[in-house]
Amino acid sequence: MPVTLASNALTVVAAVTERTGTTYSNDRVTRAINAASNAIEDYLGRPLGYATITADDPEEHQGLGYPTLWLIRAPIVSITSVKIDDVADTEWTRSDAWDALGKLYRASGWPASPATWNDVTRDPDFGSLAYNIKVAYVGGHYLPFDDDGSPPAGATRLPYHIEEVAINEAIAACQRLPNANNITEEVTPGGWRRKYGGSSAGDSLSADSKRILDRFPLKVVHV
């Protein structure tokens, strides 16, 4: 069965094969794109694709008392509803600059909903906060994977430099020998020994890719 691009693919097969020619099969390129896209999103700490988050299955956040709430999908296209402790709230504000970052601002702060200590004091336990904020909205980038159709109203295309990272990482993944990026020790000849190390999110990304992604304003550094 042919391999298909994942819904979060940050580039397309044609963009990779334009540079590699027919050196690699479509299935191999597709797997490489899917792996690169996952690695990039893991490194940035958020999904990048356009999505509609509904009131029936909202995005949930803990209120921490601060005036800024960072939504997962950015840029924000529209807000359907915001509820705090299941009560509709309209005190938040938006701007074009904040939308680009996934930021909702509420001057009086996003209130916390702590549990209470199970003792005679019944004091609030701020170490145990409920996910009391529920947001329904539309946000994220329109991905190259979807370019064969019309972009949704208000959607912003994935920045080309992020797609370029995905293309380069997919090419590198096609060229990489299985597990080669995970080799930490190798001895040859006469006493052949190979040692593999553990891996974590972003380990497969090149230093150049990380430098580009580190400058991307949507990299999660505020939580």
Protein backbone atom coordinates (compact mmCIF):
# COMPACT_ATOMS: atom_id res chain seq x y z
CA MET A 1 0.00 0.00 0.00
CA PRO A 2 1.45 3.41 -0.94
CA VAL A 3 2.55 5.69 1.87
CA THR A 4 0.53 8.90 2.15
CA LEU A 5 1.47 12.31 3.46
CA ALA A 6 0.34 12.96 7.01
CA SER A 7 -2.14 15.77 7.65
CA ASN A 8 0.66 17.81 9.26
CA ALA A 9 3.09 17.46 6.33
CA LEU A 10 5.06 20.68 5.97
CA THR A 11 5.99 20.15 2.32
CA VAL A 12 5.09 17.89 -0.59
CA VAL A 13 6.85 15.12 -2.48
CA ALA A 14 7.32 17.24 -5.61
CA ALA A 15 9.26 19.88 -3.67
CA VAL A 16 11.75 17.23 -2.52
CA THR A 17 12.05 15.30 -5.80
CA GLU A 18 12.61 18.58 -7.64
CA ARG A 19 16.04 18.52 -6.00
CA THR A 20 16.71 14.81 -5.68
CA GLY A 21 15.21 13.68 -8.98
CA THR A 22 14.10 10.06 -8.97
CA THR A 23 16.92 8.92 -6.70
CA TYR A 24 14.41 7.89 -4.05
CA SER A 25 10.99 6.30 -4.34
CA ASN A 26 7.89 8.33 -3.60
CA ASP A 27 7.21 6.17 -0.56
CA ARG A 28 10.66 6.87 0.86
CA VAL A 29 10.29 10.61 0.25
CA THR A 30 6.83 10.61 1.81
CA ARG A 31 8.08 8.85 4.94
CA ALA A 32 10.95 11.32 5.15
CA ILE A 33 8.57 14.30 4.88
CA ASN A 34 6.31 12.87 7.58
CA ALA A 35 9.27 12.26 9.89
CA ALA A 36 10.75 15.71 9.25
CA SER A 37 7.39 17.40 9.82
CA ASN A 38 6.94 15.63 13.15
CA ALA A 39 10.48 16.53 14.22
CA ILE A 40 9.95 20.20 13.35
CA GLU A 41 6.66 20.41 15.24
CA ASP A 42 8.18 18.61 18.22
CA TYR A 43 11.08 21.07 18.24
CA LEU A 44 8.76 24.08 18.01
CA GLY A 45 6.50 22.62 20.68
CA ARG A 46 3.27 23.10 18.73
CA PRO A 47 1.33 21.93 15.68
CA LEU A 48 1.53 24.28 12.71
CA GLY A 49 -1.44 23.29 10.56
CA TYR A 50 -4.79 25.02 10.17
CA ALA A 51 -7.56 23.54 12.31
CA THR A 52 -10.99 24.33 13.68
CA ILE A 53 -11.27 23.77 17.43
CA THR A 54 -14.94 23.38 18.30
CA ALA A 55 -16.92 24.21 21.43
CA ASP A 56 -17.75 20.49 21.75
CA ASP A 57 -14.04 19.64 21.91
CA PRO A 58 -12.38 22.90 22.99
CA GLU A 59 -8.76 23.68 23.72
CA GLU A 60 -8.36 23.66 27.50
CA HIS A 61 -5.97 25.76 29.56
CA GLN A 62 -5.18 26.30 33.21
CA GLY A 63 -5.87 29.82 34.39
CA LEU A 64 -2.66 31.11 35.99
CA GLY A 65 -3.72 34.65 36.82
CA TYR A 66 -1.60 36.24 34.11
CA PRO A 67 -3.14 38.52 31.45
CA THR A 68 -1.82 36.49 28.50
CA LEU A 69 -3.19 33.16 27.29
CA TRP A 70 -1.20 31.40 24.55
CA LEU A 71 -3.32 29.29 22.22
CA ILE A 72 -1.74 26.25 20.60
CA ARG A 73 -2.73 27.00 17.00
CA ALA A 74 -1.36 30.20 15.55
CA PRO A 75 -1.94 32.48 13.78
CA ILE A 76 -5.44 32.92 15.21
CA VAL A 77 -7.99 33.27 12.42
CA SER A 78 -11.16 33.65 14.49
CA ILE A 79 -12.47 33.06 18.01
CA THR A 80 -15.78 31.23 18.40
CA SER A 81 -16.12 31.20 22.17
CA VAL A 82 -14.14 31.51 25.40
CA LYS A 83 -15.44 30.04 28.64
CA ILE A 84 -14.03 30.39 32.15
CA ASP A 85 -15.42 27.83 34.59
CA ASP A 86 -18.06 27.05 31.93
CA VAL A 87 -19.26 30.67 31.84
CA ALA A 88 -18.93 32.61 28.56
CA ASP A 89 -16.31 35.36 28.80
CA THR A 90 -15.85 38.41 26.56
CA GLU A 91 -13.26 40.43 28.50
CA TRP A 92 -10.37 39.27 26.31
CA THR A 93 -9.00 41.35 23.45
CA ARG A 94 -7.14 40.63 20.20
CA SER A 95 -4.90 42.46 17.77
CA ASP A 96 -3.29 41.51 14.47
CA ALA A 97 0.12 41.27 16.14
CA TRP A 98 -1.21 39.10 18.94
CA ASP A 99 -3.18 36.90 16.55
CA ALA A 100 0.05 36.13 14.69
CA LEU A 101 1.49 34.71 17.92
CA GLY A 102 -1.63 32.94 19.19
CA LYS A 103 -2.05 35.40 22.06
CA LEU A 104 -5.29 36.28 23.85
CA TYR A 105 -5.06 39.20 26.27
CA ARG A 106 -7.31 39.70 29.30
CA ALA A 107 -6.38 42.78 31.31
CA SER A 108 -7.71 41.43 34.61
CA GLY A 109 -5.88 38.12 34.09
CA TRP A 110 -7.00 34.59 33.38
CA PRO A 111 -8.29 33.42 36.78
CA ALA A 112 -7.04 30.25 38.38
CA SER A 113 -9.38 27.57 39.67
CA PRO A 114 -7.45 25.73 42.39
CA ALA A 115 -8.56 22.65 44.26
CA THR A 116 -8.85 22.86 48.06
CA TRP A 117 -6.78 21.13 50.68
CA ASN A 118 -8.57 18.16 52.20
CA ASP A 119 -8.19 19.39 55.76
CA VAL A 120 -9.99 21.67 58.21
CA THR A 121 -8.60 24.82 56.58
CA ARG A 122 -10.08 24.10 53.12
CA ASP A 123 -7.50 26.53 51.81
CA PRO A 124 -6.97 26.69 48.04
CA ASP A 125 -4.32 24.32 46.71
CA PHE A 126 -2.55 26.31 43.98
CA GLY A 127 -0.40 23.29 43.19
CA SER A 128 -3.49 21.63 41.70
CA LEU A 129 -5.17 23.87 39.13
CA ALA A 130 -8.15 22.92 37.00
CA TYR A 131 -8.19 23.34 33.24
CA ASN A 132 -10.94 25.90 33.67
CA ILE A 133 -10.51 27.88 30.45
CA LYS A 134 -12.01 26.47 27.28
CA VAL A 135 -11.48 28.11 23.91
CA ALA A 136 -13.15 27.33 20.57
CA TYR A 137 -11.39 28.96 17.64
CA VAL A 138 -9.82 28.61 14.22
CA GLY A 139 -6.07 28.90 13.87
CA GLY A 140 -2.86 27.62 12.33
CA HIS A 141 -1.15 27.88 8.96
CA TYR A 142 -2.44 26.65 5.64
CA LEU A 143 0.09 23.94 4.76
CA PRO A 144 1.69 23.23 1.36
CA PHE A 145 0.04 19.82 1.53
CA ASP A 146 -3.30 21.64 0.99
CA ASP A 147 -2.17 23.93 -1.83
CA ASP A 148 -4.15 22.07 -4.47
CA GLY A 149 -7.35 23.63 -3.12
CA SER A 150 -8.48 27.10 -2.13
CA PRO A 151 -7.10 28.28 1.21
CA PRO A 152 -9.71 28.83 3.92
CA ALA A 153 -10.80 32.43 4.44
CA GLY A 154 -8.29 34.32 6.56
CA ALA A 155 -5.72 31.53 6.56
CA THR A 156 -2.01 32.31 6.30
CA ARG A 157 0.27 30.01 4.33
CA LEU A 158 3.11 28.27 6.16
CA PRO A 159 6.17 30.55 5.88
CA TYR A 160 8.44 29.48 3.05
CA HIS A 161 11.53 29.31 5.25
CA ILE A 162 9.80 26.73 7.46
CA GLU A 163 8.89 24.68 4.41
CA GLU A 164 12.52 24.99 3.29
CA VAL A 165 13.61 23.45 6.59
CA ALA A 166 11.16 20.59 6.00
CA ILE A 167 12.50 20.03 2.47
CA ASN A 168 16.12 19.98 3.59
CA GLU A 169 15.36 17.69 6.52
CA ALA A 170 13.39 15.31 4.30
CA ILE A 171 16.32 15.12 1.86
CA ALA A 172 18.69 14.46 4.76
CA ALA A 173 16.36 11.76 6.08
CA CYS A 174 16.33 10.06 2.65
CA GLN A 175 20.14 10.08 2.57
CA ARG A 176 20.59 8.97 6.15
CA LEU A 177 21.44 5.33 6.80
CA PRO A 178 19.09 3.60 9.26
CA ASN A 179 19.99 4.68 12.80
CA ALA A 180 23.14 6.42 11.54
CA ASN A 181 22.22 9.67 13.28
CA ASN A 182 22.05 7.74 16.54
CA ILE A 183 25.56 6.24 16.48
CA THR A 184 27.66 7.54 19.37
CA GLU A 185 30.64 5.18 19.11
CA GLU A 186 32.16 3.01 16.38
CA VAL A 187 35.45 1.11 16.31
CA THR A 188 36.98 -0.40 13.15
CA PRO A 189 38.68 -2.53 11.93
CA GLY A 190 39.63 -5.67 13.82
CA GLY A 191 37.47 -4.93 16.84
CA TRP A 192 34.20 -3.83 15.31
CA ARG A 193 31.91 -2.24 17.84
CA ARG A 194 29.02 0.17 17.42
CA LYS A 195 27.13 1.98 20.14
CA TYR A 196 23.83 3.78 19.77
CA GLY A 197 22.61 6.60 22.00
CA GLY A 198 19.14 7.65 23.02
CA SER A 199 17.19 10.29 21.16
CA SER A 200 14.89 13.17 22.01
CA ALA A 201 12.69 15.60 20.11
CA GLY A 202 14.74 17.52 17.59
CA ASP A 203 17.79 15.21 17.69
CA SER A 204 17.38 14.41 14.01
CA LEU A 205 17.35 18.10 12.98
CA SER A 206 20.51 19.73 11.70
CA ALA A 207 22.16 22.63 13.49
CA ASP A 208 21.23 24.93 10.59
CA SER A 209 17.58 23.90 10.84
CA LYS A 210 17.55 24.50 14.57
CA ARG A 211 19.02 27.97 14.11
CA ILE A 212 16.20 28.86 11.72
CA LEU A 213 13.53 27.37 13.95
CA ASP A 214 14.95 29.10 17.03
CA ARG A 215 14.19 32.44 15.36
CA PHE A 216 10.64 31.44 14.40
CA PRO A 217 8.29 33.51 16.56
CA LEU A 218 5.95 30.56 17.10
CA LYS A 219 8.56 28.42 18.86
CA VAL A 220 7.16 27.81 22.33
CA VAL A 221 9.38 29.54 24.87
CA HIS A 222 6.71 31.25 26.96
CA VAL A 223 5.38 28.17 28.78
